[in-house]
Amino acid sequence: MSLTRPGNNKLSQLADVSLFTSRTPEAQLRSAATSSRFAQLFVLDIVFSAYASAQHDFTVEQLAKERKMIGILND
């Protein structure tokens, strides 16, 4: 699975599934590609939410284990 800009590129060619985010002009005052980064994070959030919903019981179990481990590490 790839997440990249629209169009035919090496990454999308290698992937079985390609997800594309829009390529918007970035503000001149920013030092990083903020708009594209937010778009990619949004798509990843949607993919994760869909997976977590489809695997609800497993996701709940894993989150419980994660909380337990964080509690152990913070003690």
PDB file of N, CA and C in Angstrom:
ATOM      1  N   MET A   1       0.855  -1.164   0.000  1.00  0.00           N
ATOM      2  CA  MET A   1       0.000   0.000   0.000  1.00  0.00           C
ATOM      3  C   MET A   1       0.899   1.225   0.000  1.00  0.00           C
ATOM      4  N   SER A   2       0.572   2.177  -0.860  1.00  0.00           N
ATOM      5  CA  SER A   2       1.349   3.414  -0.897  1.00  0.00           C
ATOM      6  C   SER A   2       0.453   4.619  -0.681  1.00  0.00           C
ATOM      7  N   LEU A   3       1.065   5.680  -0.194  1.00  0.00           N
ATOM      8  CA  LEU A   3       0.394   6.953  -0.004  1.00  0.00           C
ATOM      9  C   LEU A   3       1.297   8.001  -0.641  1.00  0.00           C
ATOM     10  N   THR A   4       0.837   8.578  -1.731  1.00  0.00           N
ATOM     11  CA  THR A   4       1.686   9.477  -2.496  1.00  0.00           C
ATOM     12  C   THR A   4       0.843  10.492  -3.251  1.00  0.00           C
ATOM     13  N   ARG A   5       1.503  11.359  -3.986  1.00  0.00           N
ATOM     14  CA  ARG A   5       0.795  12.341  -4.812  1.00  0.00           C
ATOM     15  C   ARG A   5       0.172  11.637  -6.016  1.00  0.00           C
ATOM     16  N   PRO A   6      -0.855  12.237  -6.595  1.00  0.00           N
ATOM     17  CA  PRO A   6      -1.487  11.629  -7.772  1.00  0.00           C
ATOM     18  C   PRO A   6      -0.510  11.527  -8.940  1.00  0.00           C
ATOM     19  N   GLY A   7      -0.724  10.527  -9.750  1.00  0.00           N
ATOM     20  CA  GLY A   7       0.104  10.346 -10.932  1.00  0.00           C
ATOM     21  C   GLY A   7       0.860   9.044 -10.894  1.00  0.00           C
ATOM     22  N   ASN A   8       1.463   8.752 -11.980  1.00  0.00           N
ATOM     23  CA  ASN A   8       2.227   7.528 -12.125  1.00  0.00           C
ATOM     24  C   ASN A   8       3.643   7.782 -11.618  1.00  0.00           C
ATOM     25  N   ASN A   9       4.019   7.149 -10.513  1.00  0.00           N
ATOM     26  CA  ASN A   9       5.365   7.290  -9.976  1.00  0.00           C
ATOM     27  C   ASN A   9       5.851   5.936  -9.487  1.00  0.00           C
ATOM     28  N   LYS A  10       7.135   5.836  -9.163  1.00  0.00           N
ATOM     29  CA  LYS A  10       7.717   4.540  -8.793  1.00  0.00           C
ATOM     30  C   LYS A  10       7.027   3.903  -7.593  1.00  0.00           C
ATOM     31  N   LEU A  11       6.715   4.703  -6.593  1.00  0.00           N
ATOM     32  CA  LEU A  11       6.078   4.159  -5.401  1.00  0.00           C
ATOM     33  C   LEU A  11       4.712   3.568  -5.723  1.00  0.00           C
ATOM     34  N   SER A  12       3.887   4.296  -6.447  1.00  0.00           N
ATOM     35  CA  SER A  12       2.556   3.771  -6.781  1.00  0.00           C
ATOM     36  C   SER A  12       2.640   2.571  -7.713  1.00  0.00           C
ATOM     37  N   GLN A  13       3.686   2.497  -8.518  1.00  0.00           N
ATOM     38  CA  GLN A  13       3.866   1.338  -9.396  1.00  0.00           C
ATOM     39  C   GLN A  13       4.207   0.080  -8.601  1.00  0.00           C
ATOM     40  N   LEU A  14       4.941   0.231  -7.514  1.00  0.00           N
ATOM     41  CA  LEU A  14       5.346  -0.913  -6.695  1.00  0.00           C
ATOM     42  C   LEU A  14       4.241  -1.416  -5.777  1.00  0.00           C
ATOM     43  N   ALA A  15       3.284  -0.571  -5.484  1.00  0.00           N
ATOM     44  CA  ALA A  15       2.248  -0.913  -4.509  1.00  0.00           C
ATOM     45  C   ALA A  15       1.112  -1.702  -5.136  1.00  0.00           C
ATOM     46  N   ASP A  16       0.499  -2.560  -4.331  1.00  0.00           N
ATOM     47  CA  ASP A  16      -0.707  -3.266  -4.756  1.00  0.00           C
ATOM     48  C   ASP A  16      -1.905  -2.324  -4.740  1.00  0.00           C
ATOM     49  N   VAL A  17      -1.918  -1.427  -3.763  1.00  0.00           N
ATOM     50  CA  VAL A  17      -2.981  -0.441  -3.616  1.00  0.00           C
ATOM     51  C   VAL A  17      -2.320   0.918  -3.434  1.00  0.00           C
ATOM     52  N   SER A  18      -2.775   1.909  -4.170  1.00  0.00           N
ATOM     53  CA  SER A  18      -2.222   3.254  -4.051  1.00  0.00           C
ATOM     54  C   SER A  18      -3.299   4.218  -3.563  1.00  0.00           C
ATOM     55  N   LEU A  19      -2.963   4.980  -2.549  1.00  0.00           N
ATOM     56  CA  LEU A  19      -3.827   6.039  -2.051  1.00  0.00           C
ATOM     57  C   LEU A  19      -3.154   7.357  -2.404  1.00  0.00           C
ATOM     58  N   PHE A  20      -3.921   8.291  -2.919  1.00  0.00           N
ATOM     59  CA  PHE A  20      -3.357   9.551  -3.365  1.00  0.00           C
ATOM     60  C   PHE A  20      -3.935  10.714  -2.571  1.00  0.00           C
ATOM     61  N   THR A  21      -3.086  11.679  -2.275  1.00  0.00           N
ATOM     62  CA  THR A  21      -3.539  12.919  -1.650  1.00  0.00           C
ATOM     63  C   THR A  21      -3.218  14.066  -2.592  1.00  0.00           C
ATOM     64  N   SER A  22      -4.008  15.108  -2.480  1.00  0.00           N
ATOM     65  CA  SER A  22      -3.847  16.235  -3.399  1.00  0.00           C
ATOM     66  C   SER A  22      -2.531  16.951  -3.170  1.00  0.00           C
ATOM     67  N   ARG A  23      -2.078  17.542  -4.217  1.00  0.00           N
ATOM     68  CA  ARG A  23      -0.834  18.300  -4.160  1.00  0.00           C
ATOM     69  C   ARG A  23      -1.203  19.775  -4.236  1.00  0.00           C
ATOM     70  N   THR A  24      -1.157  20.442  -3.100  1.00  0.00           N
ATOM     71  CA  THR A  24      -1.546  21.851  -3.052  1.00  0.00           C
ATOM     72  C   THR A  24      -0.313  22.718  -2.885  1.00  0.00           C
ATOM     73  N   PRO A  25      -0.389  23.933  -3.371  1.00  0.00           N
ATOM     74  CA  PRO A  25       0.745  24.842  -3.172  1.00  0.00           C
ATOM     75  C   PRO A  25       0.940  25.132  -1.682  1.00  0.00           C
ATOM     76  N   GLU A  26       2.167  25.131  -1.248  1.00  0.00           N
ATOM     77  CA  GLU A  26       2.484  25.400   0.151  1.00  0.00           C
ATOM     78  C   GLU A  26       2.737  26.894   0.343  1.00  0.00           C
ATOM     79  N   ALA A  27       2.420  27.385   1.525  1.00  0.00           N
ATOM     80  CA  ALA A  27       2.672  28.786   1.849  1.00  0.00           C
ATOM     81  C   ALA A  27       4.178  29.046   1.851  1.00  0.00           C
ATOM     82  N   GLN A  28       4.578  30.189   1.388  1.00  0.00           N
ATOM     83  CA  GLN A  28       5.995  30.540   1.304  1.00  0.00           C
ATOM     84  C   GLN A  28       6.666  30.637   2.676  1.00  0.00           C
ATOM     85  N   LEU A  29       5.908  30.982   3.707  1.00  0.00           N
ATOM     86  CA  LEU A  29       6.488  31.196   5.026  1.00  0.00           C
ATOM     87  C   LEU A  29       6.710  29.911   5.813  1.00  0.00           C
ATOM     88  N   ARG A  30       6.213  28.789   5.327  1.00  0.00           N
ATOM     89  CA  ARG A  30       6.375  27.525   6.051  1.00  0.00           C
ATOM     90  C   ARG A  30       7.660  26.841   5.610  1.00  0.00           C
ATOM     91  N   SER A  31       8.302  26.171   6.558  1.00  0.00           N
ATOM     92  CA  SER A  31       9.557  25.491   6.244  1.00  0.00           C
ATOM     93  C   SER A  31       9.338  24.045   5.812  1.00  0.00           C
ATOM     94  N   ALA A  32       8.113  23.565   5.896  1.00  0.00           N
ATOM     95  CA  ALA A  32       7.830  22.172   5.533  1.00  0.00           C
ATOM     96  C   ALA A  32       6.530  22.094   4.746  1.00  0.00           C
ATOM     97  N   ALA A  33       6.295  20.940   4.162  1.00  0.00           N
ATOM     98  CA  ALA A  33       5.093  20.712   3.361  1.00  0.00           C
ATOM     99  C   ALA A  33       3.919  20.412   4.291  1.00  0.00           C
ATOM    100  N   THR A  34       3.395  21.421   4.933  1.00  0.00           N
ATOM    101  CA  THR A  34       2.364  21.252   5.956  1.00  0.00           C
ATOM    102  C   THR A  34       1.044  20.759   5.380  1.00  0.00           C
ATOM    103  N   SER A  35       0.587  21.346   4.294  1.00  0.00           N
ATOM    104  CA  SER A  35      -0.704  20.953   3.715  1.00  0.00           C
ATOM    105  C   SER A  35      -0.703  19.497   3.277  1.00  0.00           C
ATOM    106  N   SER A  36       0.340  19.076   2.598  1.00  0.00           N
ATOM    107  CA  SER A  36       0.403  17.684   2.138  1.00  0.00           C
ATOM    108  C   SER A  36       0.561  16.737   3.320  1.00  0.00           C
ATOM    109  N   ARG A  37       1.301  17.144   4.342  1.00  0.00           N
ATOM    110  CA  ARG A  37       1.457  16.295   5.525  1.00  0.00           C
ATOM    111  C   ARG A  37       0.122  16.095   6.234  1.00  0.00           C
ATOM    112  N   PHE A  38      -0.650  17.167   6.402  1.00  0.00           N
ATOM    113  CA  PHE A  38      -1.969  17.043   7.021  1.00  0.00           C
ATOM    114  C   PHE A  38      -2.891  16.147   6.199  1.00  0.00           C
ATOM    115  N   ALA A  39      -2.832  16.276   4.883  1.00  0.00           N
ATOM    116  CA  ALA A  39      -3.659  15.433   4.019  1.00  0.00           C
ATOM    117  C   ALA A  39      -3.282  13.964   4.179  1.00  0.00           C
ATOM    118  N   GLN A  40      -1.991  13.671   4.235  1.00  0.00           N
ATOM    119  CA  GLN A  40      -1.553  12.290   4.395  1.00  0.00           C
ATOM    120  C   GLN A  40      -1.925  11.742   5.770  1.00  0.00           C
ATOM    121  N   LEU A  41      -1.772  12.545   6.816  1.00  0.00           N
ATOM    122  CA  LEU A  41      -2.164  12.099   8.152  1.00  0.00           C
ATOM    123  C   LEU A  41      -3.664  11.828   8.234  1.00  0.00           C
ATOM    124  N   PHE A  42      -4.453  12.643   7.540  1.00  0.00           N
ATOM    125  CA  PHE A  42      -5.897  12.444   7.507  1.00  0.00           C
ATOM    126  C   PHE A  42      -6.242  11.110   6.845  1.00  0.00           C
ATOM    127  N   VAL A  43      -5.598  10.805   5.720  1.00  0.00           N
ATOM    128  CA  VAL A  43      -5.842   9.535   5.028  1.00  0.00           C
ATOM    129  C   VAL A  43      -5.418   8.363   5.915  1.00  0.00           C
ATOM    130  N   LEU A  44      -4.266   8.470   6.576  1.00  0.00           N
ATOM    131  CA  LEU A  44      -3.828   7.395   7.470  1.00  0.00           C
ATOM    132  C   LEU A  44      -4.796   7.192   8.624  1.00  0.00           C
ATOM    133  N   ASP A  45      -5.355   8.272   9.138  1.00  0.00           N
ATOM    134  CA  ASP A  45      -6.340   8.177  10.209  1.00  0.00           C
ATOM    135  C   ASP A  45      -7.590   7.439   9.731  1.00  0.00           C
ATOM    136  N   ILE A  46      -8.024   7.714   8.521  1.00  0.00           N
ATOM    137  CA  ILE A  46      -9.193   7.034   7.955  1.00  0.00           C
ATOM    138  C   ILE A  46      -8.905   5.543   7.762  1.00  0.00           C
ATOM    139  N   VAL A  47      -7.732   5.215   7.235  1.00  0.00           N
ATOM    140  CA  VAL A  47      -7.355   3.807   7.022  1.00  0.00           C
ATOM    141  C   VAL A  47      -7.302   3.079   8.362  1.00  0.00           C
ATOM    142  N   PHE A  48      -6.671   3.695   9.356  1.00  0.00           N
ATOM    143  CA  PHE A  48      -6.595   3.060  10.670  1.00  0.00           C
ATOM    144  C   PHE A  48      -7.984   2.867  11.269  1.00  0.00           C
ATOM    145  N   SER A  49      -8.831   3.881  11.177  1.00  0.00           N
ATOM    146  CA  SER A  49     -10.188   3.787  11.733  1.00  0.00           C
ATOM    147  C   SER A  49     -10.984   2.679  11.060  1.00  0.00           C
ATOM    148  N   ALA A  50     -10.846   2.550   9.757  1.00  0.00           N
ATOM    149  CA  ALA A  50     -11.549   1.486   9.031  1.00  0.00           C
ATOM    150  C   ALA A  50     -11.044   0.115   9.472  1.00  0.00           C
ATOM    151  N   TYR A  51      -9.726  -0.030   9.596  1.00  0.00           N
ATOM    152  CA  TYR A  51      -9.150  -1.294  10.044  1.00  0.00           C
ATOM    153  C   TYR A  51      -9.584  -1.613  11.473  1.00  0.00           C
ATOM    154  N   ALA A  52      -9.479  -0.615  12.353  1.00  0.00           N
ATOM    155  CA  ALA A  52      -9.840  -0.824  13.755  1.00  0.00           C
ATOM    156  C   ALA A  52     -11.311  -1.208  13.891  1.00  0.00           C
ATOM    157  N   SER A  53     -12.165  -0.607  13.090  1.00  0.00           N
ATOM    158  CA  SER A  53     -13.594  -0.939  13.130  1.00  0.00           C
ATOM    159  C   SER A  53     -13.847  -2.357  12.636  1.00  0.00           C
ATOM    160  N   ALA A  54     -13.137  -2.734  11.576  1.00  0.00           N
ATOM    161  CA  ALA A  54     -13.313  -4.083  11.012  1.00  0.00           C
ATOM    162  C   ALA A  54     -12.780  -5.156  11.964  1.00  0.00           C
ATOM    163  N   GLN A  55     -11.784  -4.797  12.763  1.00  0.00           N
ATOM    164  CA  GLN A  55     -11.164  -5.735  13.708  1.00  0.00           C
ATOM    165  C   GLN A  55     -11.438  -5.271  15.142  1.00  0.00           C
ATOM    166  N   HIS A  56     -12.666  -4.927  15.433  1.00  0.00           N
ATOM    167  CA  HIS A  56     -13.013  -4.259  16.691  1.00  0.00           C
ATOM    168  C   HIS A  56     -12.515  -4.999  17.932  1.00  0.00           C
ATOM    169  N   ASP A  57     -12.847  -6.273  18.067  1.00  0.00           N
ATOM    170  CA  ASP A  57     -12.469  -7.013  19.272  1.00  0.00           C
ATOM    171  C   ASP A  57     -10.951  -7.066  19.440  1.00  0.00           C
ATOM    172  N   PHE A  58     -10.240  -7.342  18.359  1.00  0.00           N
ATOM    173  CA  PHE A  58      -8.780  -7.393  18.396  1.00  0.00           C
ATOM    174  C   PHE A  58      -8.209  -6.028  18.774  1.00  0.00           C
ATOM    175  N   THR A  59      -8.763  -4.971  18.201  1.00  0.00           N
ATOM    176  CA  THR A  59      -8.290  -3.619  18.486  1.00  0.00           C
ATOM    177  C   THR A  59      -8.468  -3.280  19.964  1.00  0.00           C
ATOM    178  N   VAL A  60      -9.622  -3.618  20.528  1.00  0.00           N
ATOM    179  CA  VAL A  60      -9.887  -3.346  21.941  1.00  0.00           C
ATOM    180  C   VAL A  60      -8.893  -4.110  22.824  1.00  0.00           C
ATOM    181  N   GLU A  61      -8.621  -5.360  22.479  1.00  0.00           N
ATOM    182  CA  GLU A  61      -7.646  -6.161  23.235  1.00  0.00           C
ATOM    183  C   GLU A  61      -6.262  -5.524  23.179  1.00  0.00           C
ATOM    184  N   GLN A  62      -5.850  -5.109  22.004  1.00  0.00           N
ATOM    185  CA  GLN A  62      -4.526  -4.515  21.842  1.00  0.00           C
ATOM    186  C   GLN A  62      -4.406  -3.191  22.579  1.00  0.00           C
ATOM    187  N   LEU A  63      -5.444  -2.390  22.544  1.00  0.00           N
ATOM    188  CA  LEU A  63      -5.421  -1.123  23.277  1.00  0.00           C
ATOM    189  C   LEU A  63      -5.334  -1.357  24.778  1.00  0.00           C
ATOM    190  N   ALA A  64      -6.013  -2.387  25.272  1.00  0.00           N
ATOM    191  CA  ALA A  64      -5.936  -2.712  26.694  1.00  0.00           C
ATOM    192  C   ALA A  64      -4.512  -3.136  27.064  1.00  0.00           C
ATOM    193  N   LYS A  65      -3.877  -3.938  26.216  1.00  0.00           N
ATOM    194  CA  LYS A  65      -2.491  -4.351  26.464  1.00  0.00           C
ATOM    195  C   LYS A  65      -1.554  -3.141  26.438  1.00  0.00           C
ATOM    196  N   GLU A  66      -1.809  -2.250  25.500  1.00  0.00           N
ATOM    197  CA  GLU A  66      -0.985  -1.048  25.389  1.00  0.00           C
ATOM    198  C   GLU A  66      -1.088  -0.196  26.649  1.00  0.00           C
ATOM    199  N   ARG A  67      -2.312   0.016  27.124  1.00  0.00           N
ATOM    200  CA  ARG A  67      -2.506   0.804  28.344  1.00  0.00           C
ATOM    201  C   ARG A  67      -1.801   0.153  29.531  1.00  0.00           C
ATOM    202  N   LYS A  68      -1.880  -1.155  29.620  1.00  0.00           N
ATOM    203  CA  LYS A  68      -1.228  -1.875  30.704  1.00  0.00           C
ATOM    204  C   LYS A  68       0.283  -1.679  30.652  1.00  0.00           C
ATOM    205  N   MET A  69       0.866  -1.815  29.463  1.00  0.00           N
ATOM    206  CA  MET A  69       2.318  -1.642  29.316  1.00  0.00           C
ATOM    207  C   MET A  69       2.755  -0.217  29.621  1.00  0.00           C
ATOM    208  N   ILE A  70       1.978   0.760  29.179  1.00  0.00           N
ATOM    209  CA  ILE A  70       2.310   2.153  29.483  1.00  0.00           C
ATOM    210  C   ILE A  70       2.269   2.384  30.986  1.00  0.00           C
ATOM    211  N   GLY A  71       1.295   1.787  31.661  1.00  0.00           N
ATOM    212  CA  GLY A  71       1.231   1.898  33.117  1.00  0.00           C
ATOM    213  C   GLY A  71       2.446   1.284  33.784  1.00  0.00           C
ATOM    214  N   ILE A  72       2.887   0.133  33.295  1.00  0.00           N
ATOM    215  CA  ILE A  72       4.070  -0.525  33.850  1.00  0.00           C
ATOM    216  C   ILE A  72       5.299   0.337  33.618  1.00  0.00           C
ATOM    217  N   LEU A  73       5.448   0.887  32.421  1.00  0.00           N
ATOM    218  CA  LEU A  73       6.625   1.699  32.098  1.00  0.00           C
ATOM    219  C   LEU A  73       6.654   3.008  32.859  1.00  0.00           C
ATOM    220  N   ASN A  74       5.492   3.529  33.213  1.00  0.00           N
ATOM    221  CA  ASN A  74       5.435   4.804  33.938  1.00  0.00           C
ATOM    222  C   ASN A  74       5.603   4.639  35.445  1.00  0.00           C
ATOM    223  N   ASP A  75       5.552   3.418  35.936  1.00  0.00           N
ATOM    224  CA  ASP A  75       5.710   3.203  37.389  1.00  0.00           C
ATOM    225  C   ASP A  75       7.150   3.263  37.800  1.00  0.00           C
TER     226      ASP A  75
END
